[in-house]
Amino acid sequence: LESLKLIIESGKLLGLDVVELNPNYDIDDQTAKLAASLVHYVIHKI
């Protein structure tokens, strides 16, 4: 999260892509929840 914060604060973030999220292998939706949380964080910080 610190790395993401530094990238956002640099003003150089041009895009964000969530790839390779396979619900069949996502135990208890942990990866989906993390991805959603990170996207939410980025949207609210830019």
N, C-alpha and C. Protein backbone atom coordinates (compact mmCIF):
# COMPACT_ATOMS: atom_id res chain seq x y z
N LEU A 1 0.82 -1.19 0.00
CA LEU A 1 0.00 0.00 0.00
C LEU A 1 0.87 1.26 0.00
N GLU A 2 1.98 1.22 0.68
CA GLU A 2 2.88 2.38 0.69
C GLU A 2 3.40 2.69 -0.71
N SER A 3 3.73 1.65 -1.46
CA SER A 3 4.21 1.86 -2.84
C SER A 3 3.13 2.51 -3.68
N LEU A 4 1.91 2.03 -3.56
CA LEU A 4 0.79 2.59 -4.31
C LEU A 4 0.57 4.04 -3.92
N LYS A 5 0.66 4.33 -2.65
CA LYS A 5 0.49 5.70 -2.17
C LYS A 5 1.55 6.62 -2.77
N LEU A 6 2.80 6.17 -2.83
CA LEU A 6 3.87 6.97 -3.42
C LEU A 6 3.64 7.21 -4.91
N ILE A 7 3.16 6.20 -5.60
CA ILE A 7 2.89 6.35 -7.04
C ILE A 7 1.78 7.37 -7.25
N ILE A 8 0.72 7.29 -6.47
CA ILE A 8 -0.39 8.23 -6.60
C ILE A 8 0.08 9.65 -6.31
N GLU A 9 0.84 9.82 -5.25
CA GLU A 9 1.31 11.14 -4.85
C GLU A 9 2.29 11.74 -5.85
N SER A 10 2.95 10.90 -6.64
CA SER A 10 3.90 11.41 -7.63
C SER A 10 3.19 12.12 -8.78
N GLY A 11 1.90 11.85 -8.95
CA GLY A 11 1.16 12.46 -10.04
C GLY A 11 1.40 11.80 -11.39
N LYS A 12 2.09 10.68 -11.40
CA LYS A 12 2.45 10.02 -12.65
C LYS A 12 1.55 8.82 -12.98
N LEU A 13 0.57 8.54 -12.15
CA LEU A 13 -0.33 7.42 -12.40
C LEU A 13 -1.24 7.76 -13.58
N LEU A 14 -1.15 6.97 -14.63
CA LEU A 14 -1.95 7.21 -15.83
C LEU A 14 -3.09 6.22 -15.97
N GLY A 15 -2.99 5.08 -15.33
CA GLY A 15 -4.03 4.07 -15.45
C GLY A 15 -3.86 2.99 -14.41
N LEU A 16 -4.90 2.19 -14.28
CA LEU A 16 -4.87 1.09 -13.32
C LEU A 16 -5.65 -0.07 -13.93
N ASP A 17 -5.07 -1.24 -13.89
CA ASP A 17 -5.70 -2.40 -14.49
C ASP A 17 -5.62 -3.57 -13.51
N VAL A 18 -6.75 -4.20 -13.28
CA VAL A 18 -6.80 -5.40 -12.44
C VAL A 18 -6.88 -6.59 -13.39
N VAL A 19 -5.88 -7.44 -13.36
CA VAL A 19 -5.83 -8.57 -14.27
C VAL A 19 -5.65 -9.88 -13.51
N GLU A 20 -5.98 -10.96 -14.18
CA GLU A 20 -5.78 -12.31 -13.65
C GLU A 20 -6.52 -12.56 -12.34
N LEU A 21 -7.75 -12.11 -12.27
CA LEU A 21 -8.60 -12.40 -11.12
C LEU A 21 -9.54 -13.53 -11.52
N ASN A 22 -9.28 -14.73 -10.99
CA ASN A 22 -10.07 -15.90 -11.34
C ASN A 22 -10.92 -16.32 -10.14
N PRO A 23 -12.24 -16.10 -10.21
CA PRO A 23 -13.10 -16.43 -9.08
C PRO A 23 -13.07 -17.91 -8.69
N ASN A 24 -12.72 -18.78 -9.63
CA ASN A 24 -12.67 -20.21 -9.31
C ASN A 24 -11.55 -20.55 -8.32
N TYR A 25 -10.53 -19.72 -8.26
CA TYR A 25 -9.40 -19.97 -7.36
C TYR A 25 -9.32 -18.95 -6.23
N ASP A 26 -10.30 -18.10 -6.12
CA ASP A 26 -10.30 -17.03 -5.13
C ASP A 26 -11.04 -17.49 -3.88
N ILE A 27 -10.31 -18.02 -2.93
CA ILE A 27 -10.89 -18.56 -1.70
C ILE A 27 -11.51 -17.43 -0.88
N ASP A 28 -12.79 -17.56 -0.58
CA ASP A 28 -13.54 -16.58 0.21
C ASP A 28 -13.51 -15.18 -0.39
N ASP A 29 -13.31 -15.08 -1.70
CA ASP A 29 -13.27 -13.79 -2.41
C ASP A 29 -12.19 -12.85 -1.87
N GLN A 30 -11.12 -13.40 -1.31
CA GLN A 30 -10.07 -12.57 -0.74
C GLN A 30 -9.41 -11.67 -1.79
N THR A 31 -9.11 -12.23 -2.95
CA THR A 31 -8.44 -11.46 -3.99
C THR A 31 -9.38 -10.41 -4.57
N ALA A 32 -10.63 -10.76 -4.77
CA ALA A 32 -11.61 -9.80 -5.29
C ALA A 32 -11.79 -8.64 -4.32
N LYS A 33 -11.85 -8.94 -3.04
CA LYS A 33 -12.00 -7.88 -2.03
C LYS A 33 -10.77 -6.98 -1.99
N LEU A 34 -9.59 -7.57 -2.11
CA LEU A 34 -8.36 -6.77 -2.13
C LEU A 34 -8.33 -5.88 -3.36
N ALA A 35 -8.66 -6.43 -4.52
CA ALA A 35 -8.68 -5.65 -5.76
C ALA A 35 -9.67 -4.50 -5.65
N ALA A 36 -10.86 -4.78 -5.14
CA ALA A 36 -11.88 -3.73 -4.98
C ALA A 36 -11.40 -2.65 -4.02
N SER A 37 -10.76 -3.07 -2.96
CA SER A 37 -10.24 -2.12 -1.98
C SER A 37 -9.17 -1.21 -2.58
N LEU A 38 -8.26 -1.80 -3.35
CA LEU A 38 -7.20 -1.02 -3.98
C LEU A 38 -7.75 -0.04 -5.01
N VAL A 39 -8.70 -0.49 -5.82
CA VAL A 39 -9.32 0.39 -6.82
C VAL A 39 -10.05 1.53 -6.11
N HIS A 40 -10.79 1.21 -5.07
CA HIS A 40 -11.50 2.24 -4.29
C HIS A 40 -10.51 3.26 -3.73
N TYR A 41 -9.42 2.78 -3.19
CA TYR A 41 -8.39 3.65 -2.62
C TYR A 41 -7.84 4.61 -3.67
N VAL A 42 -7.50 4.06 -4.83
CA VAL A 42 -6.93 4.88 -5.90
C VAL A 42 -7.93 5.93 -6.37
N ILE A 43 -9.17 5.53 -6.60
CA ILE A 43 -10.19 6.46 -7.08
C ILE A 43 -10.38 7.63 -6.11
N HIS A 44 -10.35 7.34 -4.83
CA HIS A 44 -10.59 8.40 -3.86
C HIS A 44 -9.36 9.26 -3.58
N LYS A 45 -8.19 8.81 -4.02
CA LYS A 45 -6.96 9.58 -3.79
C LYS A 45 -6.58 10.46 -4.97
N ILE A 46 -7.11 10.15 -6.15
CA ILE A 46 -6.72 10.97 -7.31
C ILE A 46 -7.74 12.05 -7.58
